Amino acid sequence: MDSNACLPHLLVLAITLVLVSHAMGDSAQDKQRCAESLTGVTTCLPYLGGDTKAPTADCCSGLTQAMKTNKKCVCLILKDRDDPNLGLKINMTIAVGSTA
């Protein structure tokens, strides 16, 4: 799948993160529930971490599904991406589709 096909979803995701990050509760229970519900997006982690040049088709379909059903969880994971307990490596420049 063309990597540009996922960019609108990633941009919407970043904007949503900014808009709702202040209003969200992010208890440990919320994080656990979200981690379990976003397993379909794990194929995006190599791309979002800068380890691959393009997202996979599985990443795009998983992200599309997550944006339809779990926006709050996607935002929570991105918001807390630097939490060492999550063990995530997400480059926000890549996540928003910037070519910086």
N, C-alpha and C. Protein backbone atom coordinates (compact mmCIF):
# COMPACT_ATOMS: atom_id res chain seq x y z
N MET A 1 0.85 -1.18 0.00
CA MET A 1 0.00 0.00 0.00
C MET A 1 0.89 1.23 0.00
N ASP A 2 0.48 2.23 -0.74
CA ASP A 2 1.22 3.47 -0.84
C ASP A 2 1.25 4.15 0.52
N SER A 3 2.44 4.58 0.93
CA SER A 3 2.57 5.20 2.25
C SER A 3 1.76 6.49 2.35
N ASN A 4 1.53 7.15 1.23
CA ASN A 4 0.74 8.38 1.26
C ASN A 4 -0.72 8.12 1.62
N ALA A 5 -1.19 6.90 1.45
CA ALA A 5 -2.57 6.58 1.78
C ALA A 5 -2.84 6.67 3.27
N CYS A 6 -1.84 6.43 4.09
CA CYS A 6 -2.00 6.49 5.54
C CYS A 6 -1.80 7.90 6.10
N LEU A 7 -1.16 8.76 5.34
CA LEU A 7 -0.83 10.08 5.87
C LEU A 7 -2.03 10.88 6.34
N PRO A 8 -3.16 10.89 5.64
CA PRO A 8 -4.31 11.62 6.17
C PRO A 8 -4.76 11.10 7.53
N HIS A 9 -4.74 9.78 7.71
CA HIS A 9 -5.12 9.20 8.99
C HIS A 9 -4.13 9.61 10.08
N LEU A 10 -2.86 9.62 9.75
CA LEU A 10 -1.85 9.99 10.74
C LEU A 10 -1.98 11.47 11.11
N LEU A 11 -2.29 12.32 10.14
CA LEU A 11 -2.47 13.74 10.41
C LEU A 11 -3.70 13.97 11.28
N VAL A 12 -4.80 13.31 10.96
CA VAL A 12 -6.01 13.42 11.79
C VAL A 12 -5.71 12.94 13.20
N LEU A 13 -4.95 11.88 13.30
CA LEU A 13 -4.57 11.34 14.60
C LEU A 13 -3.80 12.37 15.42
N ALA A 14 -2.83 13.02 14.81
CA ALA A 14 -2.04 14.01 15.53
C ALA A 14 -2.89 15.21 15.96
N ILE A 15 -3.76 15.67 15.08
CA ILE A 15 -4.64 16.80 15.42
C ILE A 15 -5.59 16.41 16.54
N THR A 16 -6.15 15.22 16.45
CA THR A 16 -7.04 14.74 17.50
C THR A 16 -6.31 14.66 18.83
N LEU A 17 -5.07 14.20 18.79
CA LEU A 17 -4.26 14.12 20.00
C LEU A 17 -4.14 15.49 20.67
N VAL A 18 -3.84 16.50 19.90
CA VAL A 18 -3.70 17.84 20.45
C VAL A 18 -5.01 18.33 21.04
N LEU A 19 -6.11 18.08 20.36
CA LEU A 19 -7.41 18.58 20.80
C LEU A 19 -7.94 17.91 22.06
N VAL A 20 -7.68 16.63 22.22
CA VAL A 20 -8.28 15.92 23.35
C VAL A 20 -7.31 15.59 24.47
N SER A 21 -6.04 15.84 24.29
CA SER A 21 -5.07 15.41 25.31
C SER A 21 -5.31 16.06 26.66
N HIS A 22 -5.81 17.27 26.68
CA HIS A 22 -6.05 17.94 27.96
C HIS A 22 -7.32 17.45 28.65
N ALA A 23 -8.26 16.93 27.89
CA ALA A 23 -9.53 16.51 28.46
C ALA A 23 -9.57 15.04 28.86
N MET A 24 -8.56 14.29 28.50
CA MET A 24 -8.58 12.85 28.73
C MET A 24 -8.03 12.49 30.10
N GLY A 25 -8.63 11.49 30.69
CA GLY A 25 -8.04 10.86 31.86
C GLY A 25 -7.13 9.76 31.36
N ASP A 26 -5.99 9.58 31.99
CA ASP A 26 -5.09 8.53 31.50
C ASP A 26 -4.62 7.67 32.66
N SER A 27 -5.58 7.07 33.33
CA SER A 27 -5.27 6.19 34.44
C SER A 27 -4.57 4.94 33.92
N ALA A 28 -3.96 4.21 34.82
CA ALA A 28 -3.29 2.96 34.45
C ALA A 28 -4.30 2.00 33.83
N GLN A 29 -5.53 2.02 34.33
CA GLN A 29 -6.56 1.14 33.79
C GLN A 29 -6.89 1.52 32.34
N ASP A 30 -6.97 2.83 32.05
CA ASP A 30 -7.21 3.28 30.68
C ASP A 30 -6.08 2.82 29.77
N LYS A 31 -4.85 2.97 30.22
CA LYS A 31 -3.70 2.57 29.41
C LYS A 31 -3.73 1.08 29.11
N GLN A 32 -4.04 0.28 30.09
CA GLN A 32 -4.08 -1.17 29.89
C GLN A 32 -5.18 -1.55 28.90
N ARG A 33 -6.35 -0.97 29.08
CA ARG A 33 -7.48 -1.25 28.18
C ARG A 33 -7.13 -0.83 26.75
N CYS A 34 -6.49 0.31 26.61
CA CYS A 34 -6.13 0.80 25.28
C CYS A 34 -5.05 -0.08 24.65
N ALA A 35 -4.07 -0.47 25.42
CA ALA A 35 -3.01 -1.32 24.89
C ALA A 35 -3.60 -2.61 24.33
N GLU A 36 -4.58 -3.15 25.02
CA GLU A 36 -5.22 -4.39 24.57
C GLU A 36 -6.07 -4.18 23.33
N SER A 37 -6.69 -3.02 23.21
CA SER A 37 -7.60 -2.80 22.08
C SER A 37 -6.90 -2.31 20.82
N LEU A 38 -5.63 -1.95 20.92
CA LEU A 38 -4.92 -1.42 19.76
C LEU A 38 -3.89 -2.38 19.19
N THR A 39 -4.07 -3.65 19.40
CA THR A 39 -3.09 -4.61 18.89
C THR A 39 -3.00 -4.58 17.37
N GLY A 40 -4.05 -4.18 16.68
CA GLY A 40 -4.03 -4.10 15.22
C GLY A 40 -3.13 -3.01 14.68
N VAL A 41 -2.71 -2.09 15.53
CA VAL A 41 -1.86 -0.98 15.11
C VAL A 41 -0.38 -1.29 15.36
N THR A 42 -0.08 -2.40 15.99
CA THR A 42 1.31 -2.71 16.32
C THR A 42 2.18 -2.85 15.07
N THR A 43 1.58 -3.20 13.94
CA THR A 43 2.36 -3.29 12.71
C THR A 43 2.84 -1.93 12.23
N CYS A 44 2.30 -0.85 12.80
CA CYS A 44 2.72 0.51 12.44
C CYS A 44 3.97 0.96 13.20
N LEU A 45 4.28 0.28 14.28
CA LEU A 45 5.38 0.74 15.14
C LEU A 45 6.72 0.85 14.42
N PRO A 46 7.11 -0.10 13.55
CA PRO A 46 8.39 0.09 12.84
C PRO A 46 8.39 1.36 11.98
N TYR A 47 7.27 1.66 11.33
CA TYR A 47 7.18 2.87 10.53
C TYR A 47 7.18 4.12 11.40
N LEU A 48 6.36 4.13 12.45
CA LEU A 48 6.27 5.30 13.33
C LEU A 48 7.54 5.53 14.12
N GLY A 49 8.33 4.49 14.29
CA GLY A 49 9.61 4.61 14.98
C GLY A 49 10.75 4.99 14.06
N GLY A 50 10.49 5.06 12.76
CA GLY A 50 11.52 5.44 11.81
C GLY A 50 12.37 4.28 11.33
N ASP A 51 11.96 3.06 11.63
CA ASP A 51 12.75 1.89 11.25
C ASP A 51 12.47 1.41 9.83
N THR A 52 11.33 1.78 9.27
CA THR A 52 11.00 1.44 7.88
C THR A 52 10.56 2.70 7.16
N LYS A 53 10.65 2.68 5.84
CA LYS A 53 10.34 3.88 5.06
C LYS A 53 8.86 4.06 4.75
N ALA A 54 8.10 2.98 4.86
CA ALA A 54 6.68 3.07 4.51
C ALA A 54 5.87 2.14 5.42
N PRO A 55 4.64 2.52 5.70
CA PRO A 55 3.78 1.63 6.49
C PRO A 55 3.33 0.44 5.66
N THR A 56 3.06 -0.66 6.31
CA THR A 56 2.56 -1.85 5.63
C THR A 56 1.05 -1.72 5.39
N ALA A 57 0.54 -2.58 4.55
CA ALA A 57 -0.91 -2.60 4.31
C ALA A 57 -1.65 -2.93 5.61
N ASP A 58 -1.08 -3.84 6.41
CA ASP A 58 -1.69 -4.19 7.70
C ASP A 58 -1.73 -2.97 8.62
N CYS A 59 -0.68 -2.17 8.59
CA CYS A 59 -0.64 -0.95 9.40
C CYS A 59 -1.78 -0.03 9.00
N CYS A 60 -1.92 0.20 7.72
CA CYS A 60 -2.96 1.12 7.23
C CYS A 60 -4.36 0.64 7.59
N SER A 61 -4.61 -0.66 7.41
CA SER A 61 -5.94 -1.16 7.74
C SER A 61 -6.18 -1.15 9.25
N GLY A 62 -5.15 -1.47 10.03
CA GLY A 62 -5.28 -1.43 11.49
C GLY A 62 -5.50 -0.02 11.99
N LEU A 63 -4.79 0.94 11.40
CA LEU A 63 -4.93 2.33 11.81
C LEU A 63 -6.31 2.87 11.42
N THR A 64 -6.77 2.51 10.25
CA THR A 64 -8.11 2.93 9.82
C THR A 64 -9.16 2.42 10.80
N GLN A 65 -9.06 1.15 11.18
CA GLN A 65 -10.00 0.57 12.13
C GLN A 65 -9.90 1.25 13.49
N ALA A 66 -8.68 1.49 13.95
CA ALA A 66 -8.48 2.13 15.25
C ALA A 66 -9.06 3.54 15.27
N MET A 67 -8.91 4.27 14.17
CA MET A 67 -9.45 5.62 14.11
C MET A 67 -10.97 5.62 14.11
N LYS A 68 -11.58 4.55 13.63
CA LYS A 68 -13.04 4.45 13.64
C LYS A 68 -13.57 4.08 15.02
N THR A 69 -12.83 3.26 15.75
CA THR A 69 -13.38 2.69 16.98
C THR A 69 -12.65 3.08 18.26
N ASN A 70 -11.40 3.54 18.17
CA ASN A 70 -10.60 3.76 19.38
C ASN A 70 -9.80 5.06 19.35
N LYS A 71 -10.37 6.15 18.86
CA LYS A 71 -9.61 7.39 18.76
C LYS A 71 -9.02 7.80 20.10
N LYS A 72 -9.79 7.67 21.16
CA LYS A 72 -9.28 8.07 22.47
C LYS A 72 -8.05 7.25 22.84
N CYS A 73 -8.10 5.96 22.56
CA CYS A 73 -6.97 5.09 22.89
C CYS A 73 -5.75 5.42 22.04
N VAL A 74 -5.96 5.67 20.76
CA VAL A 74 -4.84 6.03 19.89
C VAL A 74 -4.19 7.31 20.41
N CYS A 75 -5.01 8.27 20.78
CA CYS A 75 -4.49 9.53 21.32
C CYS A 75 -3.74 9.32 22.63
N LEU A 76 -4.29 8.49 23.48
CA LEU A 76 -3.65 8.22 24.76
C LEU A 76 -2.27 7.60 24.57
N ILE A 77 -2.17 6.64 23.67
CA ILE A 77 -0.89 5.99 23.41
C ILE A 77 0.11 6.99 22.83
N LEU A 78 -0.33 7.83 21.90
CA LEU A 78 0.58 8.83 21.34
C LEU A 78 0.98 9.87 22.38
N LYS A 79 0.02 10.28 23.19
CA LYS A 79 0.30 11.27 24.22
C LYS A 79 1.34 10.77 25.20
N ASP A 80 1.24 9.50 25.55
CA ASP A 80 2.15 8.92 26.53
C ASP A 80 3.27 8.11 25.89
N ARG A 81 3.59 8.42 24.64
CA ARG A 81 4.59 7.64 23.91
C ARG A 81 5.96 7.61 24.58
N ASP A 82 6.28 8.61 25.38
CA ASP A 82 7.58 8.65 26.04
C ASP A 82 7.58 7.98 27.41
N ASP A 83 6.44 7.45 27.81
CA ASP A 83 6.35 6.73 29.09
C ASP A 83 7.19 5.46 28.99
N PRO A 84 8.23 5.34 29.82
CA PRO A 84 9.11 4.16 29.72
C PRO A 84 8.38 2.85 29.97
N ASN A 85 7.27 2.88 30.69
CA ASN A 85 6.51 1.66 30.95
C ASN A 85 5.82 1.12 29.70
N LEU A 86 5.57 1.99 28.72
CA LEU A 86 4.93 1.55 27.48
C LEU A 86 5.92 0.92 26.52
N GLY A 87 7.17 1.36 26.57
CA GLY A 87 8.19 0.79 25.70
C GLY A 87 7.99 1.10 24.23
N LEU A 88 7.44 2.26 23.93
CA LEU A 88 7.18 2.64 22.54
C LEU A 88 8.25 3.59 22.02
N LYS A 89 8.49 3.51 20.72
CA LYS A 89 9.36 4.46 20.04
C LYS A 89 8.53 5.03 18.90
N ILE A 90 8.01 6.25 19.10
CA ILE A 90 7.17 6.87 18.08
C ILE A 90 7.75 8.25 17.77
N ASN A 91 8.09 8.45 16.52
CA ASN A 91 8.58 9.73 16.04
C ASN A 91 7.38 10.54 15.58
N MET A 92 7.04 11.60 16.30
CA MET A 92 5.84 12.37 15.98
C MET A 92 5.95 13.07 14.63
N THR A 93 7.16 13.39 14.18
CA THR A 93 7.32 13.99 12.86
C THR A 93 6.83 13.02 11.80
N ILE A 94 7.19 11.75 11.96
CA ILE A 94 6.71 10.73 11.02
C ILE A 94 5.21 10.54 11.20
N ALA A 95 4.75 10.52 12.43
CA ALA A 95 3.33 10.27 12.70
C ALA A 95 2.42 11.31 12.04
N VAL A 96 2.87 12.54 11.94
CA VAL A 96 2.03 13.56 11.31
C VAL A 96 2.33 13.72 9.83
N GLY A 97 3.26 12.91 9.31
CA GLY A 97 3.53 12.92 7.89
C GLY A 97 4.42 14.05 7.42
N SER A 98 5.15 14.68 8.33
CA SER A 98 6.04 15.77 7.95
C SER A 98 7.28 15.23 7.28
N THR A 99 7.89 16.03 6.43
CA THR A 99 9.14 15.63 5.78
C THR A 99 10.31 16.40 6.35
N ALA A 100 10.19 16.82 7.59
CA ALA A 100 11.25 17.61 8.23
C ALA A 100 12.57 16.89 8.26
